Amino acid sequence: MGEIKSTLDIIMEKTKGLSLSAEEKEALKREEMTKKIRGWVRRFLDDKATLEDVRRELKEILKDKIAGSLLRAELVAYLHPEGDNGKVFRMMRELLNLRTEPLEEKIDAFLKGLIVMRVARLKDRGEKLARSGISGSAVLPNVAGDPEWESFYKKSLEEFREHALNLTGS
């Protein structure tokens, strides 16, 4: 009877003699770094690891300039102008030695602009409802359910994160 081969054996036979190019090796290394960084950031933000744990686990990897950029991008992705960014700022300060004041100012400006836009949108939606015959003290326009507002908000968040990356030195 013939020998039953595992999937790994079949793959090894088929790929014998093949090797990765330098670009492919670099892409794999970068992907591996990204996964490790993302995992440790997530553990810290979920209170499953201390900052010291993260520092210890990423110490060697962060000597690589690319890893620092990957960590910076990962942390910026977790920034949310309407959320609690304390832990993200702490990681930026303590792991990357970044000043977070410019980002904090950017968040304040973003929120002020967002409030102005939200109030204007509420007023506009209220006027449209009134023109269509819907009015009264119980009528409250719903900006959150407005597709135009949703699109504007998503675009604004993307722009905010882009500016945040630039502020952090990317």
N, C-alpha and C. Protein backbone atom coordinates (compact mmCIF):
# COMPACT_ATOMS: atom_id res chain seq x y z
N MET A 1 0.83 -1.18 0.00
CA MET A 1 0.00 0.00 0.00
C MET A 1 0.87 1.24 0.00
N GLY A 2 0.39 2.26 -0.67
CA GLY A 2 1.17 3.48 -0.78
C GLY A 2 1.15 4.29 0.50
N GLU A 3 2.14 5.12 0.65
CA GLU A 3 2.27 5.97 1.82
C GLU A 3 1.31 7.16 1.69
N ILE A 4 0.62 7.50 2.76
CA ILE A 4 -0.27 8.65 2.76
C ILE A 4 0.56 9.87 3.13
N LYS A 5 0.49 10.89 2.26
CA LYS A 5 1.29 12.10 2.49
C LYS A 5 0.44 13.18 3.14
N SER A 6 1.06 13.90 4.02
CA SER A 6 0.37 15.02 4.64
C SER A 6 0.38 16.20 3.67
N THR A 7 -0.49 17.14 3.95
CA THR A 7 -0.55 18.34 3.13
C THR A 7 0.80 19.05 3.14
N LEU A 8 1.42 19.09 4.30
CA LEU A 8 2.73 19.75 4.41
C LEU A 8 3.76 19.05 3.53
N ASP A 9 3.76 17.72 3.52
CA ASP A 9 4.70 16.98 2.67
C ASP A 9 4.50 17.31 1.20
N ILE A 10 3.24 17.38 0.78
CA ILE A 10 2.93 17.69 -0.62
C ILE A 10 3.39 19.10 -0.96
N ILE A 11 3.12 20.05 -0.07
CA ILE A 11 3.55 21.43 -0.30
C ILE A 11 5.06 21.52 -0.37
N MET A 12 5.74 20.83 0.54
CA MET A 12 7.21 20.87 0.55
C MET A 12 7.78 20.31 -0.75
N GLU A 13 7.19 19.25 -1.26
CA GLU A 13 7.66 18.67 -2.52
C GLU A 13 7.47 19.66 -3.67
N LYS A 14 6.30 20.30 -3.71
CA LYS A 14 5.98 21.21 -4.81
C LYS A 14 6.83 22.48 -4.77
N THR A 15 7.21 22.90 -3.58
CA THR A 15 7.97 24.16 -3.47
C THR A 15 9.47 23.94 -3.34
N LYS A 16 9.92 22.71 -3.44
CA LYS A 16 11.35 22.42 -3.35
C LYS A 16 12.09 23.20 -4.44
N GLY A 17 13.12 23.87 -4.08
CA GLY A 17 13.91 24.63 -5.04
C GLY A 17 13.44 26.06 -5.23
N LEU A 18 12.30 26.40 -4.69
CA LEU A 18 11.82 27.78 -4.79
C LEU A 18 12.32 28.58 -3.60
N SER A 19 12.58 29.83 -3.83
CA SER A 19 13.00 30.69 -2.72
C SER A 19 12.32 32.05 -2.87
N LEU A 20 12.26 32.77 -1.77
CA LEU A 20 11.62 34.08 -1.76
C LEU A 20 12.59 35.14 -2.24
N SER A 21 12.05 36.12 -2.94
CA SER A 21 12.88 37.25 -3.35
C SER A 21 13.12 38.14 -2.13
N ALA A 22 14.02 39.07 -2.25
CA ALA A 22 14.32 39.99 -1.14
C ALA A 22 13.08 40.81 -0.77
N GLU A 23 12.32 41.20 -1.79
CA GLU A 23 11.10 41.99 -1.54
C GLU A 23 10.06 41.15 -0.79
N GLU A 24 9.94 39.88 -1.19
CA GLU A 24 8.98 39.01 -0.52
C GLU A 24 9.38 38.75 0.92
N LYS A 25 10.68 38.57 1.15
CA LYS A 25 11.17 38.37 2.52
C LYS A 25 10.89 39.60 3.37
N GLU A 26 11.13 40.79 2.79
CA GLU A 26 10.90 42.04 3.51
C GLU A 26 9.41 42.21 3.82
N ALA A 27 8.56 41.87 2.85
CA ALA A 27 7.11 41.97 3.06
C ALA A 27 6.65 41.02 4.17
N LEU A 28 7.19 39.81 4.19
CA LEU A 28 6.84 38.86 5.25
C LEU A 28 7.32 39.35 6.61
N LYS A 29 8.53 39.91 6.65
CA LYS A 29 9.07 40.44 7.91
C LYS A 29 8.19 41.59 8.41
N ARG A 30 7.80 42.46 7.50
CA ARG A 30 6.96 43.61 7.86
C ARG A 30 5.59 43.14 8.36
N GLU A 31 5.02 42.15 7.70
CA GLU A 31 3.73 41.61 8.10
C GLU A 31 3.82 40.98 9.49
N GLU A 32 4.89 40.26 9.74
CA GLU A 32 5.10 39.63 11.04
C GLU A 32 5.24 40.71 12.13
N MET A 33 6.01 41.76 11.84
CA MET A 33 6.17 42.86 12.80
C MET A 33 4.82 43.52 13.08
N THR A 34 4.05 43.76 12.03
CA THR A 34 2.75 44.41 12.18
C THR A 34 1.84 43.59 13.08
N LYS A 35 1.79 42.28 12.86
CA LYS A 35 0.94 41.42 13.67
C LYS A 35 1.37 41.43 15.13
N LYS A 36 2.67 41.38 15.36
CA LYS A 36 3.18 41.37 16.74
C LYS A 36 2.85 42.71 17.42
N ILE A 37 3.11 43.79 16.72
CA ILE A 37 2.82 45.13 17.28
C ILE A 37 1.33 45.27 17.55
N ARG A 38 0.51 44.92 16.58
CA ARG A 38 -0.94 45.04 16.73
C ARG A 38 -1.42 44.22 17.93
N GLY A 39 -0.90 43.03 18.07
CA GLY A 39 -1.30 42.17 19.18
C GLY A 39 -0.96 42.77 20.54
N TRP A 40 0.25 43.30 20.67
CA TRP A 40 0.66 43.87 21.95
C TRP A 40 -0.06 45.18 22.25
N VAL A 41 -0.31 45.99 21.23
CA VAL A 41 -1.09 47.22 21.44
C VAL A 41 -2.49 46.85 21.93
N ARG A 42 -3.10 45.89 21.26
CA ARG A 42 -4.45 45.46 21.63
C ARG A 42 -4.48 44.92 23.06
N ARG A 43 -3.47 44.12 23.43
CA ARG A 43 -3.42 43.58 24.80
C ARG A 43 -3.36 44.71 25.83
N PHE A 44 -2.54 45.73 25.54
CA PHE A 44 -2.43 46.86 26.48
C PHE A 44 -3.75 47.62 26.57
N LEU A 45 -4.34 47.92 25.42
CA LEU A 45 -5.58 48.69 25.41
C LEU A 45 -6.74 47.92 26.05
N ASP A 46 -6.67 46.59 26.01
CA ASP A 46 -7.71 45.75 26.63
C ASP A 46 -7.37 45.39 28.07
N ASP A 47 -6.33 46.00 28.63
CA ASP A 47 -5.90 45.75 30.01
C ASP A 47 -5.49 44.30 30.25
N LYS A 48 -4.95 43.66 29.25
CA LYS A 48 -4.46 42.29 29.39
C LYS A 48 -2.94 42.25 29.50
N ALA A 49 -2.31 43.41 29.40
CA ALA A 49 -0.85 43.53 29.55
C ALA A 49 -0.54 44.93 30.07
N THR A 50 0.55 45.02 30.79
CA THR A 50 0.99 46.33 31.27
C THR A 50 1.87 46.97 30.20
N LEU A 51 2.11 48.25 30.36
CA LEU A 51 2.99 48.93 29.42
C LEU A 51 4.40 48.34 29.50
N GLU A 52 4.78 47.92 30.70
CA GLU A 52 6.10 47.29 30.87
C GLU A 52 6.18 45.97 30.11
N ASP A 53 5.08 45.20 30.09
CA ASP A 53 5.03 43.96 29.30
C ASP A 53 5.25 44.28 27.82
N VAL A 54 4.54 45.28 27.36
CA VAL A 54 4.64 45.67 25.94
C VAL A 54 6.05 46.13 25.62
N ARG A 55 6.60 46.97 26.50
CA ARG A 55 7.96 47.47 26.29
C ARG A 55 8.96 46.32 26.21
N ARG A 56 8.82 45.37 27.11
CA ARG A 56 9.73 44.22 27.14
C ARG A 56 9.59 43.38 25.86
N GLU A 57 8.37 43.12 25.45
CA GLU A 57 8.13 42.26 24.28
C GLU A 57 8.52 42.93 22.97
N LEU A 58 8.40 44.25 22.91
CA LEU A 58 8.69 44.96 21.65
C LEU A 58 10.07 45.63 21.64
N LYS A 59 10.81 45.45 22.73
CA LYS A 59 12.11 46.13 22.86
C LYS A 59 13.01 45.91 21.65
N GLU A 60 13.24 44.68 21.29
CA GLU A 60 14.14 44.36 20.16
C GLU A 60 13.56 44.82 18.83
N ILE A 61 12.28 44.56 18.65
CA ILE A 61 11.64 44.87 17.38
C ILE A 61 11.63 46.38 17.12
N LEU A 62 11.50 47.19 18.20
CA LEU A 62 11.41 48.64 18.03
C LEU A 62 12.76 49.29 17.71
N LYS A 63 13.84 48.51 17.73
CA LYS A 63 15.13 49.04 17.30
C LYS A 63 15.13 49.28 15.79
N ASP A 64 14.24 48.59 15.10
CA ASP A 64 14.08 48.73 13.66
C ASP A 64 13.22 49.96 13.38
N LYS A 65 13.71 50.85 12.53
CA LYS A 65 13.01 52.09 12.22
C LYS A 65 11.63 51.83 11.63
N ILE A 66 11.53 50.79 10.82
CA ILE A 66 10.24 50.44 10.21
C ILE A 66 9.23 50.06 11.30
N ALA A 67 9.67 49.33 12.31
CA ALA A 67 8.78 48.92 13.39
C ALA A 67 8.24 50.13 14.14
N GLY A 68 9.08 51.14 14.33
CA GLY A 68 8.62 52.37 14.98
C GLY A 68 7.52 53.04 14.18
N SER A 69 7.68 53.07 12.86
CA SER A 69 6.65 53.64 11.99
C SER A 69 5.38 52.81 12.04
N LEU A 70 5.53 51.50 12.08
CA LEU A 70 4.36 50.62 12.15
C LEU A 70 3.61 50.82 13.47
N LEU A 71 4.35 50.95 14.57
CA LEU A 71 3.72 51.19 15.87
C LEU A 71 3.01 52.53 15.87
N ARG A 72 3.66 53.55 15.34
CA ARG A 72 3.05 54.89 15.27
C ARG A 72 1.75 54.83 14.47
N ALA A 73 1.76 54.17 13.32
CA ALA A 73 0.56 54.06 12.49
C ALA A 73 -0.54 53.27 13.21
N GLU A 74 -0.15 52.23 13.91
CA GLU A 74 -1.12 51.42 14.65
C GLU A 74 -1.78 52.25 15.76
N LEU A 75 -0.97 53.02 16.47
CA LEU A 75 -1.52 53.84 17.55
C LEU A 75 -2.43 54.94 17.00
N VAL A 76 -2.04 55.56 15.91
CA VAL A 76 -2.88 56.59 15.30
C VAL A 76 -4.23 55.99 14.87
N ALA A 77 -4.21 54.76 14.41
CA ALA A 77 -5.45 54.10 13.99
C ALA A 77 -6.42 53.93 15.18
N TYR A 78 -5.88 53.86 16.39
CA TYR A 78 -6.72 53.72 17.57
C TYR A 78 -7.19 55.07 18.13
N LEU A 79 -6.63 56.16 17.65
CA LEU A 79 -7.08 57.47 18.12
C LEU A 79 -8.50 57.72 17.64
N HIS A 80 -9.30 58.24 18.53
CA HIS A 80 -10.65 58.64 18.15
C HIS A 80 -10.94 59.95 18.84
N PRO A 81 -11.24 60.99 18.06
CA PRO A 81 -11.44 62.31 18.66
C PRO A 81 -12.53 62.35 19.72
N GLU A 82 -13.51 61.48 19.62
CA GLU A 82 -14.59 61.49 20.60
C GLU A 82 -14.43 60.39 21.66
N GLY A 83 -13.26 59.78 21.70
CA GLY A 83 -13.03 58.70 22.65
C GLY A 83 -11.98 59.06 23.69
N ASP A 84 -11.69 58.09 24.55
CA ASP A 84 -10.65 58.25 25.56
C ASP A 84 -9.33 57.78 24.96
N ASN A 85 -8.43 58.70 24.71
CA ASN A 85 -7.16 58.39 24.06
C ASN A 85 -5.99 58.34 25.03
N GLY A 86 -6.27 58.33 26.31
CA GLY A 86 -5.21 58.37 27.32
C GLY A 86 -4.18 57.27 27.17
N LYS A 87 -4.63 56.03 26.98
CA LYS A 87 -3.69 54.91 26.86
C LYS A 87 -2.88 55.00 25.58
N VAL A 88 -3.52 55.44 24.51
CA VAL A 88 -2.80 55.57 23.23
C VAL A 88 -1.73 56.64 23.36
N PHE A 89 -2.08 57.77 23.97
CA PHE A 89 -1.10 58.83 24.18
C PHE A 89 0.05 58.35 25.07
N ARG A 90 -0.29 57.58 26.09
CA ARG A 90 0.74 57.06 26.99
C ARG A 90 1.73 56.19 26.21
N MET A 91 1.21 55.32 25.34
CA MET A 91 2.09 54.46 24.54
C MET A 91 2.96 55.32 23.61
N MET A 92 2.36 56.34 23.03
CA MET A 92 3.13 57.21 22.13
C MET A 92 4.28 57.88 22.88
N ARG A 93 3.95 58.39 24.07
CA ARG A 93 4.98 59.08 24.86
C ARG A 93 6.06 58.13 25.34
N GLU A 94 5.65 56.99 25.90
CA GLU A 94 6.61 56.12 26.58
C GLU A 94 7.33 55.13 25.67
N LEU A 95 6.71 54.73 24.58
CA LEU A 95 7.38 53.77 23.68
C LEU A 95 8.06 54.45 22.50
N LEU A 96 7.49 55.57 22.06
CA LEU A 96 8.03 56.23 20.87
C LEU A 96 8.64 57.60 21.17
N ASN A 97 8.57 58.02 22.44
CA ASN A 97 9.09 59.33 22.85
C ASN A 97 8.50 60.48 22.02
N LEU A 98 7.19 60.39 21.77
CA LEU A 98 6.51 61.42 20.99
C LEU A 98 5.84 62.42 21.92
N ARG A 99 5.81 63.66 21.48
CA ARG A 99 5.04 64.68 22.19
C ARG A 99 3.59 64.54 21.72
N THR A 100 2.66 64.43 22.65
CA THR A 100 1.27 64.25 22.26
C THR A 100 0.47 65.55 22.27
N GLU A 101 1.06 66.63 22.76
CA GLU A 101 0.33 67.90 22.83
C GLU A 101 -0.20 68.35 21.48
N PRO A 102 0.59 68.26 20.39
CA PRO A 102 0.04 68.67 19.10
C PRO A 102 -1.18 67.82 18.69
N LEU A 103 -1.16 66.55 19.03
CA LEU A 103 -2.30 65.69 18.72
C LEU A 103 -3.51 66.06 19.57
N GLU A 104 -3.26 66.35 20.82
CA GLU A 104 -4.35 66.74 21.71
C GLU A 104 -4.99 68.04 21.24
N GLU A 105 -4.16 68.98 20.77
CA GLU A 105 -4.69 70.23 20.22
C GLU A 105 -5.47 69.96 18.94
N LYS A 106 -4.99 69.04 18.12
CA LYS A 106 -5.68 68.67 16.88
C LYS A 106 -7.05 68.07 17.19
N ILE A 107 -7.10 67.24 18.23
CA ILE A 107 -8.37 66.64 18.63
C ILE A 107 -9.34 67.72 19.10
N ASP A 108 -8.86 68.65 19.92
CA ASP A 108 -9.72 69.74 20.39
C ASP A 108 -10.29 70.54 19.21
N ALA A 109 -9.43 70.87 18.25
CA ALA A 109 -9.88 71.63 17.08
C ALA A 109 -10.88 70.82 16.26
N PHE A 110 -10.61 69.53 16.11
CA PHE A 110 -11.51 68.65 15.37
C PHE A 110 -12.89 68.64 16.04
N LEU A 111 -12.91 68.48 17.36
CA LEU A 111 -14.18 68.42 18.09
C LEU A 111 -14.95 69.73 18.00
N LYS A 112 -14.26 70.86 18.10
CA LYS A 112 -14.92 72.15 17.97
C LYS A 112 -15.54 72.30 16.59
N GLY A 113 -14.80 71.93 15.56
CA GLY A 113 -15.32 71.99 14.19
C GLY A 113 -16.49 71.04 14.00
N LEU A 114 -16.40 69.87 14.61
CA LEU A 114 -17.46 68.87 14.50
C LEU A 114 -18.75 69.37 15.15
N ILE A 115 -18.61 70.02 16.28
CA ILE A 115 -19.79 70.57 16.97
C ILE A 115 -20.47 71.61 16.09
N VAL A 116 -19.68 72.50 15.51
CA VAL A 116 -20.24 73.53 14.62
C VAL A 116 -20.97 72.88 13.44
N MET A 117 -20.34 71.88 12.84
CA MET A 117 -20.96 71.20 11.70
C MET A 117 -22.22 70.44 12.11
N ARG A 118 -22.19 69.81 13.28
CA ARG A 118 -23.34 69.04 13.75
C ARG A 118 -24.52 69.97 14.02
N VAL A 119 -24.27 71.12 14.64
CA VAL A 119 -25.33 72.09 14.92
C VAL A 119 -25.92 72.60 13.60
N ALA A 120 -25.07 72.92 12.64
CA ALA A 120 -25.55 73.40 11.34
C ALA A 120 -26.40 72.31 10.66
N ARG A 121 -25.95 71.06 10.75
CA ARG A 121 -26.67 69.95 10.12
C ARG A 121 -28.02 69.73 10.81
N LEU A 122 -28.05 69.84 12.13
CA LEU A 122 -29.31 69.71 12.87
C LEU A 122 -30.30 70.79 12.44
N LYS A 123 -29.80 72.01 12.33
CA LYS A 123 -30.65 73.13 11.92
C LYS A 123 -31.20 72.88 10.52
N ASP A 124 -30.34 72.46 9.61
CA ASP A 124 -30.75 72.18 8.23
C ASP A 124 -31.79 71.07 8.18
N ARG A 125 -31.55 69.99 8.92
CA ARG A 125 -32.51 68.86 8.94
C ARG A 125 -33.84 69.30 9.55
N GLY A 126 -33.79 70.13 10.59
CA GLY A 126 -35.02 70.64 11.21
C GLY A 126 -35.81 71.49 10.24
N GLU A 127 -35.11 72.33 9.48
CA GLU A 127 -35.78 73.18 8.49
C GLU A 127 -36.41 72.34 7.38
N LYS A 128 -35.73 71.28 6.96
CA LYS A 128 -36.29 70.40 5.91
C LYS A 128 -37.54 69.70 6.42
N LEU A 129 -37.51 69.25 7.68
CA LEU A 129 -38.69 68.61 8.26
C LEU A 129 -39.86 69.60 8.33
N ALA A 130 -39.56 70.82 8.74
CA ALA A 130 -40.60 71.85 8.85
C ALA A 130 -41.20 72.16 7.48
N ARG A 131 -40.36 72.24 6.45
CA ARG A 131 -40.86 72.51 5.08
C ARG A 131 -41.76 71.38 4.59
N SER A 132 -41.51 70.17 5.06
CA SER A 132 -42.33 69.04 4.62
C SER A 132 -43.56 68.85 5.51
N GLY A 133 -43.80 69.82 6.43
CA GLY A 133 -44.99 69.78 7.27
C GLY A 133 -44.83 69.06 8.59
N ILE A 134 -43.61 68.69 8.92
CA ILE A 134 -43.37 68.00 10.20
C ILE A 134 -42.72 69.00 11.14
N SER A 135 -43.45 69.37 12.20
CA SER A 135 -42.90 70.34 13.14
C SER A 135 -43.50 70.09 14.52
N GLY A 136 -42.98 70.79 15.49
CA GLY A 136 -43.46 70.68 16.86
C GLY A 136 -42.31 70.49 17.82
N SER A 137 -42.63 70.63 19.10
CA SER A 137 -41.57 70.55 20.11
C SER A 137 -41.02 69.14 20.29
N ALA A 138 -41.76 68.14 19.88
CA ALA A 138 -41.30 66.75 20.03
C ALA A 138 -40.46 66.28 18.85
N VAL A 139 -40.38 67.09 17.80
CA VAL A 139 -39.63 66.70 16.61
C VAL A 139 -38.15 67.03 16.81
N LEU A 140 -37.33 66.00 16.75
CA LEU A 140 -35.89 66.16 16.87
C LEU A 140 -35.21 65.54 15.65
N PRO A 141 -34.52 66.33 14.88
CA PRO A 141 -33.81 65.77 13.72
C PRO A 141 -32.74 64.79 14.19
N ASN A 142 -32.56 63.72 13.43
CA ASN A 142 -31.58 62.69 13.77
C ASN A 142 -30.39 62.79 12.83
N VAL A 143 -29.33 63.42 13.28
CA VAL A 143 -28.13 63.57 12.45
C VAL A 143 -27.42 62.23 12.30
N ALA A 144 -27.44 61.42 13.35
CA ALA A 144 -26.73 60.14 13.31
C ALA A 144 -27.25 59.23 12.21
N GLY A 145 -28.53 59.32 11.88
CA GLY A 145 -29.10 58.48 10.84
C GLY A 145 -29.03 59.09 9.45
N ASP A 146 -28.42 60.24 9.33
CA ASP A 146 -28.32 60.95 8.05
C ASP A 146 -27.13 60.41 7.25
N PRO A 147 -27.36 59.81 6.08
CA PRO A 147 -26.27 59.25 5.27
C PRO A 147 -25.22 60.31 4.87
N GLU A 148 -25.67 61.53 4.62
CA GLU A 148 -24.71 62.59 4.27
C GLU A 148 -23.80 62.90 5.46
N TRP A 149 -24.39 62.95 6.65
CA TRP A 149 -23.60 63.21 7.85
C TRP A 149 -22.61 62.06 8.09
N GLU A 150 -23.08 60.84 7.93
CA GLU A 150 -22.23 59.66 8.12
C GLU A 150 -21.03 59.71 7.18
N SER A 151 -21.28 60.05 5.93
CA SER A 151 -20.21 60.15 4.94
C SER A 151 -19.23 61.26 5.32
N PHE A 152 -19.77 62.41 5.70
CA PHE A 152 -18.93 63.54 6.11
C PHE A 152 -18.09 63.16 7.32
N TYR A 153 -18.71 62.49 8.30
CA TYR A 153 -18.02 62.12 9.53
C TYR A 153 -16.88 61.14 9.24
N LYS A 154 -17.14 60.12 8.42
CA LYS A 154 -16.10 59.14 8.08
C LYS A 154 -14.93 59.83 7.37
N LYS A 155 -15.25 60.71 6.42
CA LYS A 155 -14.21 61.43 5.69
C LYS A 155 -13.41 62.31 6.65
N SER A 156 -14.09 62.97 7.56
CA SER A 156 -13.41 63.82 8.54
C SER A 156 -12.47 63.01 9.43
N LEU A 157 -12.91 61.82 9.86
CA LEU A 157 -12.06 60.95 10.68
C LEU A 157 -10.82 60.51 9.91
N GLU A 158 -11.00 60.15 8.64
CA GLU A 158 -9.85 59.75 7.81
C GLU A 158 -8.85 60.90 7.70
N GLU A 159 -9.36 62.10 7.45
CA GLU A 159 -8.48 63.27 7.34
C GLU A 159 -7.79 63.54 8.67
N PHE A 160 -8.53 63.40 9.76
CA PHE A 160 -7.94 63.60 11.09
C PHE A 160 -6.78 62.64 11.30
N ARG A 161 -6.98 61.36 10.99
CA ARG A 161 -5.93 60.36 11.20
C ARG A 161 -4.73 60.61 10.29
N GLU A 162 -5.01 61.07 9.08
CA GLU A 162 -3.92 61.42 8.16
C GLU A 162 -3.07 62.55 8.75
N HIS A 163 -3.74 63.59 9.25
CA HIS A 163 -3.03 64.71 9.88
C HIS A 163 -2.30 64.24 11.14
N ALA A 164 -2.92 63.35 11.88
CA ALA A 164 -2.29 62.83 13.11
C ALA A 164 -1.01 62.08 12.78
N LEU A 165 -1.03 61.29 11.70
CA LEU A 165 0.19 60.58 11.29
C LEU A 165 1.28 61.58 10.93
N ASN A 166 0.90 62.64 10.22
CA ASN A 166 1.87 63.67 9.87
C ASN A 166 2.42 64.38 11.09
N LEU A 167 1.55 64.62 12.08
CA LEU A 167 2.01 65.28 13.31
C LEU A 167 2.97 64.42 14.11
N THR A 168 2.84 63.11 13.99
CA THR A 168 3.69 62.21 14.77
C THR A 168 5.01 61.91 14.07
N GLY A 169 5.19 62.47 12.88
CA GLY A 169 6.48 62.32 12.22
C GLY A 169 6.53 61.26 11.15
N SER A 170 5.39 60.82 10.65
CA SER A 170 5.40 59.79 9.60
C SER A 170 5.77 60.40 8.27
